[in-house]
Protein backbone atom coordinates (compact mmCIF):
# COMPACT_ATOMS: atom_id res chain seq x y z
CA MET A 1 13.52 -0.76 -12.08
CA LYS A 2 14.60 -2.71 -8.97
CA ILE A 3 12.26 -3.38 -6.18
CA SER A 4 14.43 -1.54 -3.82
CA ASP A 5 13.99 1.75 -5.96
CA PHE A 6 10.23 1.08 -5.97
CA GLN A 7 10.10 0.78 -2.03
CA SER A 8 11.79 4.14 -1.47
CA LYS A 9 9.00 6.12 -3.25
CA ASP A 10 6.44 7.75 -1.34
CA VAL A 11 2.85 6.54 -2.09
CA ILE A 12 0.24 9.50 -2.61
CA ASN A 13 -3.39 9.32 -3.11
CA ILE A 14 -4.39 11.82 -5.75
CA VAL A 15 -8.02 11.88 -4.62
CA ASP A 16 -7.39 13.44 -1.30
CA GLY A 17 -3.53 14.28 -1.58
CA LYS A 18 -2.76 12.00 1.40
CA LYS A 19 0.63 10.28 1.84
CA LEU A 20 -0.06 6.79 2.37
CA GLY A 21 3.51 5.44 3.19
CA HIS A 22 5.99 3.51 1.42
CA ILE A 23 5.72 0.33 -0.61
CA SER A 24 6.78 -2.58 1.68
CA ASP A 25 5.89 -5.48 -0.71
CA ILE A 26 4.29 -6.52 -3.93
CA GLU A 27 1.82 -9.25 -4.84
CA LEU A 28 2.61 -10.94 -8.06
CA ASP A 29 0.36 -12.90 -10.39
CA LEU A 30 2.79 -15.71 -11.56
CA ARG A 31 0.49 -17.08 -13.96
CA GLN A 32 0.53 -14.14 -16.01
CA GLY A 33 3.85 -12.74 -14.87
CA LYS A 34 2.73 -9.24 -13.76
CA ILE A 35 2.40 -7.26 -10.59
CA ASP A 36 -1.25 -7.50 -9.02
CA SER A 37 -1.06 -5.17 -6.22
CA ILE A 38 1.41 -3.09 -3.93
CA VAL A 39 1.48 -3.29 -0.18
CA ILE A 40 1.88 -0.36 2.15
CA PRO A 41 1.93 -1.02 5.96
CA GLN A 42 -0.25 0.99 8.13
CA VAL A 43 1.48 3.39 10.47
CA GLN A 44 0.08 4.43 13.65
CA ARG A 45 1.42 7.31 15.90
CA MET A 46 1.15 7.02 19.61
CA PHE A 47 2.85 9.66 21.97
CA GLY A 48 4.87 10.92 19.15
CA ILE A 49 6.33 7.62 18.23
CA PHE A 50 5.59 5.78 14.94
CA GLY A 51 4.84 2.06 14.77
CA THR A 52 3.00 -0.28 12.52
CA SER A 53 -0.38 -1.54 13.56
CA GLY A 54 -0.10 -4.90 11.85
CA SER A 55 -2.61 -3.91 9.08
CA GLU A 56 -1.65 -2.94 5.49
CA ILE A 57 -3.22 -1.20 2.62
CA VAL A 58 -3.26 -3.34 -0.64
CA ILE A 59 -3.55 -1.25 -3.70
CA PRO A 60 -4.35 -3.05 -6.91
CA TRP A 61 -2.02 -2.23 -9.83
CA ARG A 62 -4.85 -0.69 -11.86
CA ASN A 63 -5.08 1.98 -9.35
CA ILE A 64 -1.59 3.20 -10.04
CA VAL A 65 -1.74 6.51 -12.08
CA LYS A 66 1.64 7.32 -12.36
CA ILE A 67 5.26 6.28 -11.11
CA GLY A 68 7.67 9.30 -10.88
CA ALA A 69 11.12 9.86 -9.71
CA ASP A 70 10.13 10.07 -6.25
CA VAL A 71 6.40 9.26 -5.91
CA VAL A 72 3.93 6.77 -6.83
CA LEU A 73 0.46 8.25 -7.57
CA VAL A 74 -2.62 6.14 -6.91
CA ARG A 75 -6.27 6.90 -7.16
CA MET A 76 -8.04 5.39 -4.09
CA GLU A 77 -11.51 6.56 -3.35
CA GLU A 78 -11.35 4.93 -0.07
CA THR A 79 -8.34 4.04 1.71
CA ARG A 80 -8.85 1.14 4.45
CA SER A 81 -6.52 -1.47 5.92
CA VAL A 82 -7.47 -4.62 4.24
CA ARG A 83 -5.48 -7.11 6.04
CA ALA A 84 -6.71 -6.39 9.45
CA GLU A 85 -10.29 -6.55 8.28
CA ASP A 86 -9.53 -9.82 6.65
CA GLU A 87 -7.81 -11.31 9.82
CA ASP A 88 -10.98 -10.22 11.94
CA LEU A 89 -13.30 -11.73 9.43
CA HIS A 90 -11.31 -15.01 9.43
CA ALA A 91 -11.17 -14.97 13.39
CA ARG A 92 -15.01 -14.81 13.48
CA ILE A 93 -15.72 -17.78 11.18
């Protein structure tokens, strides 16, 4: 599978049925030669216009349940924008 094929799939959380978005990036573990996590940009809607907020959802590979023809099913008990919180934390230190 090519990364471009992977990026075109919708990511769905099977816990609540919510569409999380599309994969924008992957994080690799180069030492072990495997995918560590997938990254989904957080999309905000203002006045009917979509835009990214700069934050991202990082989903560990172990949370991927199934990769289908059109969707990637993940199990996330709590979805939160990890990148934005990390940046806020570093800004306070």
